[in-house]
Amino acid sequence: MKHVKALLIKFIMILAVLWIVFTLMFDAEFSDTLLMSVVLTVAAYVIGDLLILRKAGDRDKSDGDFKKRNTIATISDAVLTFIVLWALGEALLNPGDNVVMASLISTVVIGIAEWFFHRYVNNKVIRDRHAHTVAY
């Protein structure tokens, strides 16, 4: 259940950003924005949150090396976000749309949100003997 809740939070966060940027600012169809949100949510959750955030850094430190893990996971999420949005945008949207700019704006906003989302994931989802809870 903890993964479902985290996925739902991440999906809503990503959908909100992509709806504002791609649909409202760059006139993309909502169905395309929805598809991009689903693909990005699943990819970023599995790669950025479950793999990278969980495995990066020195887990034996008192805080589980959260700052380093969060930095690595946030940068990885940002790179993945830009690549996924750019590739799907090029495939789904009109050739005249400025996909690179929409992807870049979305990447910056989602990257900032991911920085905070990783605290939630660290404290509520990947809690194990190596994942230390960090203060908000």
Protein backbone atom coordinates (compact mmCIF):
# COMPACT_ATOMS: atom_id res chain seq x y z
CA MET A 1 0.00 0.00 0.00
CA LYS A 2 2.90 2.34 0.72
CA HIS A 3 4.06 2.07 -2.90
CA VAL A 4 0.57 2.77 -4.23
CA LYS A 5 0.32 5.92 -2.12
CA ALA A 6 3.78 7.10 -3.19
CA LEU A 7 3.00 6.40 -6.86
CA LEU A 8 -0.27 8.29 -6.58
CA ILE A 9 1.43 11.30 -4.99
CA LYS A 10 4.15 11.27 -7.64
CA PHE A 11 1.62 10.87 -10.46
CA ILE A 12 -0.49 13.80 -9.27
CA MET A 13 2.63 15.94 -8.90
CA ILE A 14 3.88 15.10 -12.39
CA LEU A 15 0.44 15.37 -14.00
CA ALA A 16 -0.11 18.82 -12.48
CA VAL A 17 3.22 20.10 -13.81
CA LEU A 18 2.79 18.57 -17.26
CA TRP A 19 -0.81 19.78 -17.51
CA ILE A 20 0.26 23.35 -16.76
CA VAL A 21 3.34 23.31 -18.99
CA PHE A 22 2.44 21.04 -21.90
CA THR A 23 -1.35 21.48 -22.05
CA LEU A 24 -1.90 25.05 -20.89
CA MET A 25 1.32 26.73 -21.99
CA PHE A 26 2.20 24.71 -25.11
CA ASP A 27 -1.29 23.57 -26.24
CA ALA A 28 -0.68 19.81 -26.13
CA GLU A 29 -3.68 17.51 -25.95
CA PHE A 30 -4.56 16.41 -22.42
CA SER A 31 -4.51 12.76 -23.50
CA ASP A 32 -0.87 13.16 -24.57
CA THR A 33 -0.04 14.87 -21.28
CA LEU A 34 -1.76 12.07 -19.38
CA LEU A 35 0.21 9.39 -21.26
CA MET A 36 3.49 11.21 -20.66
CA SER A 37 2.62 11.52 -16.96
CA VAL A 38 1.94 7.80 -16.58
CA VAL A 39 5.14 6.75 -18.36
CA LEU A 40 7.28 9.27 -16.49
CA THR A 41 5.75 8.40 -13.11
CA VAL A 42 6.46 4.69 -13.43
CA ALA A 43 9.95 5.14 -14.89
CA ALA A 44 11.05 7.78 -12.38
CA TYR A 45 9.59 5.90 -9.41
CA VAL A 46 11.31 2.63 -10.25
CA ILE A 47 14.64 4.11 -11.37
CA GLY A 48 14.98 7.26 -9.28
CA ASP A 49 13.14 6.40 -6.08
CA LEU A 50 13.39 2.64 -5.63
CA LEU A 51 16.79 2.00 -7.18
CA ILE A 52 18.95 5.10 -6.99
CA LEU A 53 17.61 6.74 -3.81
CA ARG A 54 17.68 3.42 -2.00
CA LYS A 55 21.16 2.33 -3.13
CA ALA A 56 23.24 5.52 -3.47
CA GLY A 57 25.50 7.00 -0.81
CA ASP A 58 27.02 5.59 2.36
CA ARG A 59 24.11 3.97 4.16
CA ASP A 60 26.15 3.43 7.34
CA LYS A 61 26.25 7.15 8.15
CA SER A 62 23.95 8.36 10.93
CA ASP A 63 21.43 9.92 8.54
CA GLY A 64 21.89 7.21 5.92
CA ASP A 65 23.82 9.77 3.82
CA PHE A 66 20.45 11.21 2.81
CA LYS A 67 21.76 14.47 1.33
CA LYS A 68 24.08 12.63 -1.04
CA ARG A 69 21.44 10.03 -1.92
CA ASN A 70 18.84 12.75 -2.48
CA THR A 71 21.20 14.79 -4.66
CA ILE A 72 22.11 11.80 -6.81
CA ALA A 73 18.47 10.67 -7.12
CA THR A 74 17.21 14.19 -7.91
CA ILE A 75 19.80 14.74 -10.65
CA SER A 76 19.06 11.28 -12.05
CA ASP A 77 15.32 12.00 -11.96
CA ALA A 78 15.88 15.31 -13.76
CA VAL A 79 17.94 13.71 -16.53
CA LEU A 80 15.39 10.90 -16.90
CA THR A 81 12.52 13.40 -16.88
CA PHE A 82 14.01 15.48 -19.64
CA ILE A 83 14.81 12.46 -21.83
CA VAL A 84 11.37 10.87 -21.37
CA LEU A 85 9.47 14.13 -21.94
CA TRP A 86 11.59 15.10 -24.94
CA ALA A 87 11.28 11.65 -26.57
CA LEU A 88 7.56 11.25 -25.90
CA GLY A 89 6.92 14.89 -26.82
CA GLU A 90 8.64 14.42 -30.17
CA ALA A 91 6.65 11.24 -30.79
CA LEU A 92 3.23 12.47 -29.64
CA LEU A 93 3.07 16.20 -30.27
CA ASN A 94 2.94 18.31 -33.40
CA PRO A 95 6.25 18.97 -35.17
CA GLY A 96 5.88 22.73 -34.64
CA ASP A 97 5.56 22.43 -30.85
CA ASN A 98 8.54 23.55 -28.81
CA VAL A 99 9.04 20.21 -27.10
CA VAL A 100 12.54 20.98 -25.86
CA MET A 101 11.44 24.13 -24.03
CA ALA A 102 8.35 22.45 -22.55
CA SER A 103 10.49 19.52 -21.44
CA LEU A 104 13.10 21.80 -19.91
CA ILE A 105 10.57 23.86 -17.95
CA SER A 106 8.84 20.70 -16.73
CA THR A 107 12.15 19.12 -15.77
CA VAL A 108 13.14 22.07 -13.58
CA VAL A 109 9.81 22.15 -11.74
CA ILE A 110 9.60 18.37 -11.33
CA GLY A 111 13.24 18.27 -10.19
CA ILE A 112 12.49 20.75 -7.41
CA ALA A 113 9.42 18.76 -6.37
CA GLU A 114 11.43 15.50 -6.44
CA TRP A 115 13.89 16.93 -3.92
CA PHE A 116 11.04 17.09 -1.39
CA PHE A 117 9.30 13.91 -2.53
CA HIS A 118 12.45 11.91 -1.81
CA ARG A 119 12.10 12.77 1.89
CA TYR A 120 8.67 11.18 1.89
CA VAL A 121 9.94 8.11 0.03
CA ASN A 122 12.93 7.77 2.35
CA ASN A 123 10.82 8.09 5.51
CA LYS A 124 7.67 6.20 4.52
CA VAL A 125 8.43 3.81 1.67
CA ILE A 126 12.00 2.48 1.67
CA ARG A 127 12.39 2.23 5.43
CA ASP A 128 14.62 -0.72 6.13
CA ARG A 129 17.59 -1.37 8.38
CA HIS A 130 19.76 0.88 6.19
CA ALA A 131 17.28 3.66 5.37
CA HIS A 132 17.33 6.16 8.20
CA THR A 133 14.46 8.57 8.73
CA VAL A 134 15.50 12.17 8.15
CA ALA A 135 13.92 15.24 9.64
CA TYR A 136 11.76 17.52 7.56
